[in-house]
Amino acid sequence: MNNATEKRERPYVPFDESYLYRDDQLSQDQWRELALTDTITGLKSRHWWDRYSKKLYQEIVSTRRRNLSFLLIDVDNLGILNDLFGHPEVDKILGSIGSIARHPKIGFRQGDIPVRMSGDELGVLLPFSDLRMANAAAHRVLLEIRTLSNKYGGLPITVSIGVADSEMSGVASAEELYKLADIACSHAKKTKDRIVTYVPKMVLVQHKKR
C-alpha cells in the first residue's frame, strides 16, 4: 500500500485540545486574567492564539507530521452594519456567527478550533485537514452566514474567507499560516462574499459565489 492510499484511508480522529494545557500550572484567577474565551462570540480569544497556536502547530505539523489548515473569516461591511444597527446589535450578529462556527453540524468538526482574531476577523484552525476539506468547511460556513440576512430585513450579512494550509504552503508556524490566509482573505474582500485559497508562488484560487 503506498503512502497516498494510507493517507486517504486514515480515519479522522478529532484533535484532543486538552493536550495543549497539560503543562499549564495556572490558578483560576490567572485563567480569568488571560481571558482565553471571547465573551461576544464564545470562541477562543486572541489571548488563546498568542499563548497556544505555536504549540498546536508544533504538535500537529512537526511532531505528528500531519496537515493543519487555517481559515481567516472577515465580516464584510462591519462599519456599515455598525452605522445602521449600532454596536450592541452588531455584537449580536458576531455572536450568531460565533454560534455557527461552534456548531459541529453546521460549521466545523469536533477538534477544530475557532478563534476571534480581532474585531471583524475570526480564524479557524483545522487539525488533520487538507485544502479540500478546509474549502468545503469554508463553503458551508459562508452559505450559513448568508442566512443571517433574514433576521435583519434582508440586508446582506456576508463574510470573505481566506484559506491556507501547512502542507501546501510549507510554512513553519501558525503565525505564518495566518499571514498567508490573510493575503488570500484580502483578495476575497475585493469582491466580498467569496472564498480565496492561497497556494504557493502567490497563486490565488478564487471560488465563485453560489
C-alpha atoms as a PDB file:
ATOM      1  CA  MET A   1       0.000   0.000   0.000  1.00  0.00           C
ATOM      2  CA  ASN A   2       1.524   3.354  -0.995  1.00  0.00           C
ATOM      3  CA  ASN A   3       1.617   6.437   1.205  1.00  0.00           C
ATOM      4  CA  ALA A   4      -1.133   8.188  -0.766  1.00  0.00           C
ATOM      5  CA  THR A   5      -3.529   5.286  -0.158  1.00  0.00           C
ATOM      6  CA  GLU A   6      -2.648   5.197   3.535  1.00  0.00           C
ATOM      7  CA  LYS A   7      -3.354   8.913   3.801  1.00  0.00           C
ATOM      8  CA  ARG A   8      -6.757   8.616   2.134  1.00  0.00           C
ATOM      9  CA  GLU A   9      -7.840   5.721   4.333  1.00  0.00           C
ATOM     10  CA  ARG A  10      -6.673   7.167   7.647  1.00  0.00           C
ATOM     11  CA  PRO A  11      -9.820   7.691   9.752  1.00  0.00           C
ATOM     12  CA  TYR A  12     -10.452  11.120  11.204  1.00  0.00           C
ATOM     13  CA  VAL A  13      -9.818  11.331  14.926  1.00  0.00           C
ATOM     14  CA  PRO A  14     -10.556  14.769  16.454  1.00  0.00           C
ATOM     15  CA  PHE A  15      -7.587  16.631  17.862  1.00  0.00           C
ATOM     16  CA  ASP A  16      -7.618  16.479  21.664  1.00  0.00           C
ATOM     17  CA  GLU A  17      -7.276  20.124  22.650  1.00  0.00           C
ATOM     18  CA  SER A  18      -6.537  19.224  26.280  1.00  0.00           C
ATOM     19  CA  TYR A  19      -3.015  18.271  25.169  1.00  0.00           C
ATOM     20  CA  LEU A  20      -2.193  21.979  24.889  1.00  0.00           C
ATOM     21  CA  TYR A  21      -2.915  22.641  28.557  1.00  0.00           C
ATOM     22  CA  ARG A  22      -1.095  19.733  30.212  1.00  0.00           C
ATOM     23  CA  ASP A  23       1.929  21.776  31.228  1.00  0.00           C
ATOM     24  CA  ASP A  24      -0.038  24.779  32.457  1.00  0.00           C
ATOM     25  CA  GLN A  25       0.070  25.473  36.161  1.00  0.00           C
ATOM     26  CA  LEU A  26      -2.395  28.345  36.365  1.00  0.00           C
ATOM     27  CA  SER A  27      -4.745  29.399  39.118  1.00  0.00           C
ATOM     28  CA  GLN A  28      -8.366  30.222  38.352  1.00  0.00           C
ATOM     29  CA  ASP A  29      -7.553  33.919  38.687  1.00  0.00           C
ATOM     30  CA  GLN A  30      -4.747  33.582  36.156  1.00  0.00           C
ATOM     31  CA  TRP A  31      -7.056  31.813  33.719  1.00  0.00           C
ATOM     32  CA  ARG A  32      -9.586  34.630  34.020  1.00  0.00           C
ATOM     33  CA  GLU A  33      -6.857  37.224  33.543  1.00  0.00           C
ATOM     34  CA  LEU A  34      -5.724  35.545  30.354  1.00  0.00           C
ATOM     35  CA  ALA A  35      -9.293  35.834  29.037  1.00  0.00           C
ATOM     36  CA  LEU A  36      -8.967  32.804  26.811  1.00  0.00           C
ATOM     37  CA  THR A  37     -12.608  32.956  25.672  1.00  0.00           C
ATOM     38  CA  ASP A  38     -14.132  35.854  23.756  1.00  0.00           C
ATOM     39  CA  THR A  39     -17.336  36.841  25.541  1.00  0.00           C
ATOM     40  CA  ILE A  40     -19.183  38.109  22.439  1.00  0.00           C
ATOM     41  CA  THR A  41     -18.666  35.158  20.095  1.00  0.00           C
ATOM     42  CA  GLY A  42     -17.983  32.367  22.582  1.00  0.00           C
ATOM     43  CA  LEU A  43     -14.870  31.489  20.585  1.00  0.00           C
ATOM     44  CA  LYS A  44     -11.274  31.262  21.720  1.00  0.00           C
ATOM     45  CA  SER A  45      -9.788  34.741  22.159  1.00  0.00           C
ATOM     46  CA  ARG A  46      -6.711  36.336  20.633  1.00  0.00           C
ATOM     47  CA  HIS A  47      -5.030  35.712  24.007  1.00  0.00           C
ATOM     48  CA  TRP A  48      -5.578  31.996  23.409  1.00  0.00           C
ATOM     49  CA  TRP A  49      -3.997  32.312  19.959  1.00  0.00           C
ATOM     50  CA  ASP A  50      -0.963  34.126  21.312  1.00  0.00           C
ATOM     51  CA  ARG A  51      -0.473  31.512  24.025  1.00  0.00           C
ATOM     52  CA  TYR A  52      -1.294  28.216  22.298  1.00  0.00           C
ATOM     53  CA  SER A  53      -1.243  28.427  18.481  1.00  0.00           C
ATOM     54  CA  LYS A  54       2.516  27.905  18.278  1.00  0.00           C
ATOM     55  CA  LYS A  55       2.294  24.826  20.490  1.00  0.00           C
ATOM     56  CA  LEU A  56      -0.602  23.414  18.453  1.00  0.00           C
ATOM     57  CA  TYR A  57       1.295  23.928  15.190  1.00  0.00           C
ATOM     58  CA  GLN A  58       4.361  22.161  16.550  1.00  0.00           C
ATOM     59  CA  GLU A  59       2.287  19.226  17.792  1.00  0.00           C
ATOM     60  CA  ILE A  60       0.279  18.745  14.579  1.00  0.00           C
ATOM     61  CA  VAL A  61       2.860  19.563  11.909  1.00  0.00           C
ATOM     62  CA  SER A  62       6.282  18.960  13.470  1.00  0.00           C
ATOM     63  CA  THR A  63       5.596  16.080  15.875  1.00  0.00           C
ATOM     64  CA  ARG A  64       2.733  14.170  14.262  1.00  0.00           C
ATOM     65  CA  ARG A  65       3.705  15.067  10.669  1.00  0.00           C
ATOM     66  CA  ARG A  66       0.101  15.860   9.830  1.00  0.00           C
ATOM     67  CA  ASN A  67      -1.500  18.755   8.000  1.00  0.00           C
ATOM     68  CA  LEU A  68      -3.001  21.872   9.569  1.00  0.00           C
ATOM     69  CA  SER A  69      -5.337  24.189   7.656  1.00  0.00           C
ATOM     70  CA  PHE A  70      -6.388  27.688   8.631  1.00  0.00           C
ATOM     71  CA  LEU A  71      -9.352  29.832   7.626  1.00  0.00           C
ATOM     72  CA  LEU A  72      -9.489  33.578   8.122  1.00  0.00           C
ATOM     73  CA  ILE A  73     -13.086  34.811   8.105  1.00  0.00           C
ATOM     74  CA  ASP A  74     -13.632  38.565   7.745  1.00  0.00           C
ATOM     75  CA  VAL A  75     -17.111  40.015   8.282  1.00  0.00           C
ATOM     76  CA  ASP A  76     -17.981  42.196   5.287  1.00  0.00           C
ATOM     77  CA  ASN A  77     -19.117  45.808   5.730  1.00  0.00           C
ATOM     78  CA  LEU A  78     -18.873  45.777   9.511  1.00  0.00           C
ATOM     79  CA  GLY A  79     -18.595  49.564   9.612  1.00  0.00           C
ATOM     80  CA  ILE A  80     -21.837  49.923   7.651  1.00  0.00           C
ATOM     81  CA  LEU A  81     -23.565  47.442   9.949  1.00  0.00           C
ATOM     82  CA  ASN A  82     -22.372  49.458  12.945  1.00  0.00           C
ATOM     83  CA  ASP A  83     -23.778  52.648  11.449  1.00  0.00           C
ATOM     84  CA  LEU A  84     -27.128  51.040  10.668  1.00  0.00           C
ATOM     85  CA  PHE A  85     -27.695  48.969  13.799  1.00  0.00           C
ATOM     86  CA  GLY A  86     -25.246  50.185  16.438  1.00  0.00           C
ATOM     87  CA  HIS A  87     -22.622  48.239  18.381  1.00  0.00           C
ATOM     88  CA  PRO A  88     -24.996  46.177  20.580  1.00  0.00           C
ATOM     89  CA  GLU A  89     -26.819  44.754  17.551  1.00  0.00           C
ATOM     90  CA  VAL A  90     -23.568  44.126  15.699  1.00  0.00           C
ATOM     91  CA  ASP A  91     -22.320  42.220  18.742  1.00  0.00           C
ATOM     92  CA  LYS A  92     -25.405  40.011  18.363  1.00  0.00           C
ATOM     93  CA  ILE A  93     -24.516  39.418  14.697  1.00  0.00           C
ATOM     94  CA  LEU A  94     -20.984  38.470  15.714  1.00  0.00           C
ATOM     95  CA  GLY A  95     -22.438  36.192  18.374  1.00  0.00           C
ATOM     96  CA  SER A  96     -24.592  34.476  15.744  1.00  0.00           C
ATOM     97  CA  ILE A  97     -21.549  33.977  13.525  1.00  0.00           C
ATOM     98  CA  GLY A  98     -19.707  32.551  16.521  1.00  0.00           C
ATOM     99  CA  SER A  99     -22.577  30.107  17.124  1.00  0.00           C
ATOM    100  CA  ILE A 100     -22.329  28.940  13.508  1.00  0.00           C
ATOM    101  CA  ALA A 101     -18.575  28.435  13.868  1.00  0.00           C
ATOM    102  CA  ARG A 102     -19.047  26.408  17.079  1.00  0.00           C
ATOM    103  CA  HIS A 103     -21.829  24.188  15.741  1.00  0.00           C
ATOM    104  CA  PRO A 104     -20.305  20.861  14.584  1.00  0.00           C
ATOM    105  CA  LYS A 105     -23.181  20.069  12.201  1.00  0.00           C
ATOM    106  CA  ILE A 106     -23.112  23.476  10.524  1.00  0.00           C
ATOM    107  CA  GLY A 107     -19.634  24.875  10.807  1.00  0.00           C
ATOM    108  CA  PHE A 108     -16.628  22.862  11.805  1.00  0.00           C
ATOM    109  CA  ARG A 109     -15.729  19.435  13.138  1.00  0.00           C
ATOM    110  CA  GLN A 110     -15.147  18.452  16.707  1.00  0.00           C
ATOM    111  CA  GLY A 111     -11.468  19.190  17.265  1.00  0.00           C
ATOM    112  CA  ASP A 112     -11.395  22.256  15.001  1.00  0.00           C
ATOM    113  CA  ILE A 113     -10.624  25.459  16.909  1.00  0.00           C
ATOM    114  CA  PRO A 114     -12.329  28.768  16.009  1.00  0.00           C
ATOM    115  CA  VAL A 115     -10.706  31.926  17.388  1.00  0.00           C
ATOM    116  CA  ARG A 116     -11.740  35.575  17.379  1.00  0.00           C
ATOM    117  CA  MET A 117      -8.607  37.196  15.996  1.00  0.00           C
ATOM    118  CA  SER A 118      -9.789  40.832  16.040  1.00  0.00           C
ATOM    119  CA  GLY A 119     -12.948  42.934  15.822  1.00  0.00           C
ATOM    120  CA  ASP A 120     -14.209  41.640  12.480  1.00  0.00           C
ATOM    121  CA  GLU A 121     -11.894  38.649  11.949  1.00  0.00           C
ATOM    122  CA  LEU A 122     -12.388  35.054  13.017  1.00  0.00           C
ATOM    123  CA  GLY A 123      -9.749  32.405  12.491  1.00  0.00           C
ATOM    124  CA  VAL A 124     -10.263  28.646  12.461  1.00  0.00           C
ATOM    125  CA  LEU A 125      -7.517  26.070  12.990  1.00  0.00           C
ATOM    126  CA  LEU A 126      -8.379  22.740  11.349  1.00  0.00           C
ATOM    127  CA  PRO A 127      -6.034  19.949  12.516  1.00  0.00           C
ATOM    128  CA  PHE A 128      -5.654  16.947  10.190  1.00  0.00           C
ATOM    129  CA  SER A 129      -7.397  18.832   7.361  1.00  0.00           C
ATOM    130  CA  ASP A 130      -6.227  19.298   3.770  1.00  0.00           C
ATOM    131  CA  LEU A 131      -7.192  22.121   1.412  1.00  0.00           C
ATOM    132  CA  ARG A 132     -10.155  20.205   0.001  1.00  0.00           C
ATOM    133  CA  MET A 133     -11.633  19.680   3.458  1.00  0.00           C
ATOM    134  CA  ALA A 134     -10.850  23.251   4.520  1.00  0.00           C
ATOM    135  CA  ASN A 135     -12.543  24.708   1.445  1.00  0.00           C
ATOM    136  CA  ALA A 136     -15.595  22.512   1.984  1.00  0.00           C
ATOM    137  CA  ALA A 137     -15.865  23.828   5.550  1.00  0.00           C
ATOM    138  CA  ALA A 138     -15.416  27.394   4.329  1.00  0.00           C
ATOM    139  CA  HIS A 139     -18.270  26.990   1.822  1.00  0.00           C
ATOM    140  CA  ARG A 140     -20.605  25.569   4.473  1.00  0.00           C
ATOM    141  CA  VAL A 141     -19.948  28.469   6.797  1.00  0.00           C
ATOM    142  CA  LEU A 142     -20.165  31.133   4.084  1.00  0.00           C
ATOM    143  CA  LEU A 143     -23.576  29.843   2.984  1.00  0.00           C
ATOM    144  CA  GLU A 144     -24.885  29.539   6.542  1.00  0.00           C
ATOM    145  CA  ILE A 145     -23.805  33.070   7.467  1.00  0.00           C
ATOM    146  CA  ARG A 146     -25.736  34.413   4.474  1.00  0.00           C
ATOM    147  CA  THR A 147     -28.931  33.162   6.106  1.00  0.00           C
ATOM    148  CA  LEU A 148     -28.462  35.687   8.943  1.00  0.00           C
ATOM    149  CA  SER A 149     -29.678  38.339   6.491  1.00  0.00           C
ATOM    150  CA  ASN A 150     -33.214  37.063   7.106  1.00  0.00           C
ATOM    151  CA  LYS A 151     -33.041  38.449  10.649  1.00  0.00           C
ATOM    152  CA  TYR A 152     -32.076  41.935   9.504  1.00  0.00           C
ATOM    153  CA  GLY A 153     -34.581  42.938   6.858  1.00  0.00           C
ATOM    154  CA  GLY A 154     -32.716  41.267   4.042  1.00  0.00           C
ATOM    155  CA  LEU A 155     -29.596  43.398   4.461  1.00  0.00           C
ATOM    156  CA  PRO A 156     -26.715  41.239   3.193  1.00  0.00           C
ATOM    157  CA  ILE A 157     -24.646  39.776   6.010  1.00  0.00           C
ATOM    158  CA  THR A 158     -21.694  38.055   4.405  1.00  0.00           C
ATOM    159  CA  VAL A 159     -18.089  37.124   5.029  1.00  0.00           C
ATOM    160  CA  SER A 160     -14.934  36.891   2.975  1.00  0.00           C
ATOM    161  CA  ILE A 161     -12.714  33.889   3.680  1.00  0.00           C
ATOM    162  CA  GLY A 162      -9.031  33.195   3.077  1.00  0.00           C
ATOM    163  CA  VAL A 163      -7.784  29.597   3.200  1.00  0.00           C
ATOM    164  CA  ALA A 164      -4.230  28.295   3.666  1.00  0.00           C
ATOM    165  CA  ASP A 165      -2.660  25.040   4.820  1.00  0.00           C
ATOM    166  CA  SER A 166       0.710  23.901   6.126  1.00  0.00           C
ATOM    167  CA  GLU A 167       1.335  21.141   3.599  1.00  0.00           C
ATOM    168  CA  MET A 168       0.722  23.275   0.526  1.00  0.00           C
ATOM    169  CA  SER A 169       2.490  26.391   1.797  1.00  0.00           C
ATOM    170  CA  GLY A 170       5.396  24.803   3.660  1.00  0.00           C
ATOM    171  CA  VAL A 171       5.372  27.474   6.391  1.00  0.00           C
ATOM    172  CA  ALA A 172       6.994  26.916   9.763  1.00  0.00           C
ATOM    173  CA  SER A 173       4.481  28.378  12.221  1.00  0.00           C
ATOM    174  CA  ALA A 174       0.818  29.126  12.850  1.00  0.00           C
ATOM    175  CA  GLU A 175       1.565  32.843  12.601  1.00  0.00           C
ATOM    176  CA  GLU A 176       2.982  32.393   9.083  1.00  0.00           C
ATOM    177  CA  LEU A 177      -0.055  30.331   8.141  1.00  0.00           C
ATOM    178  CA  TYR A 178      -2.258  33.153   9.419  1.00  0.00           C
ATOM    179  CA  LYS A 179      -0.373  35.663   7.253  1.00  0.00           C
ATOM    180  CA  LEU A 180      -0.940  33.573   4.118  1.00  0.00           C
ATOM    181  CA  ALA A 181      -4.654  33.222   4.887  1.00  0.00           C
ATOM    182  CA  ASP A 182      -4.722  36.987   5.424  1.00  0.00           C
ATOM    183  CA  ILE A 183      -3.291  37.538   1.926  1.00  0.00           C
ATOM    184  CA  ALA A 184      -5.992  35.294   0.471  1.00  0.00           C
ATOM    185  CA  CYS A 185      -8.685  36.989   2.549  1.00  0.00           C
ATOM    186  CA  SER A 186      -7.585  40.423   1.334  1.00  0.00           C
ATOM    187  CA  HIS A 187      -8.200  39.268  -2.237  1.00  0.00           C
ATOM    188  CA  ALA A 188     -11.590  37.845  -1.257  1.00  0.00           C
ATOM    189  CA  LYS A 189     -12.535  41.220   0.276  1.00  0.00           C
ATOM    190  CA  LYS A 190     -12.151  42.919  -3.096  1.00  0.00           C
ATOM    191  CA  THR A 191     -15.466  41.430  -4.221  1.00  0.00           C
ATOM    192  CA  LYS A 192     -16.751  40.236  -0.808  1.00  0.00           C
ATOM    193  CA  ASP A 193     -18.868  37.155  -0.021  1.00  0.00           C
ATOM    194  CA  ARG A 194     -16.153  34.973  -1.520  1.00  0.00           C
ATOM    195  CA  ILE A 195     -13.540  32.353  -0.651  1.00  0.00           C
ATOM    196  CA  VAL A 196      -9.949  32.607  -1.883  1.00  0.00           C
ATOM    197  CA  THR A 197      -7.367  29.867  -1.334  1.00  0.00           C
ATOM    198  CA  TYR A 198      -3.658  30.551  -1.006  1.00  0.00           C
ATOM    199  CA  VAL A 199      -1.323  28.226  -2.890  1.00  0.00           C
ATOM    200  CA  PRO A 200       2.438  28.648  -3.415  1.00  0.00           C
ATOM    201  CA  LYS A 201       4.088  31.280  -5.601  1.00  0.00           C
ATOM    202  CA  MET A 202       1.321  33.779  -4.958  1.00  0.00           C
ATOM    203  CA  VAL A 203      -1.260  31.880  -6.984  1.00  0.00           C
ATOM    204  CA  LEU A 204      -4.692  32.568  -5.518  1.00  0.00           C
ATOM    205  CA  VAL A 205      -7.630  30.356  -6.369  1.00  0.00           C
ATOM    206  CA  GLN A 206     -10.945  32.188  -6.231  1.00  0.00           C
ATOM    207  CA  HIS A 207     -14.224  30.390  -5.653  1.00  0.00           C
ATOM    208  CA  LYS A 208     -17.264  31.856  -7.361  1.00  0.00           C
ATOM    209  CA  LYS A 209     -20.334  32.866  -5.403  1.00  0.00           C
ATOM    210  CA  ARG A 210     -23.096  30.277  -5.226  1.00  0.00           C
END
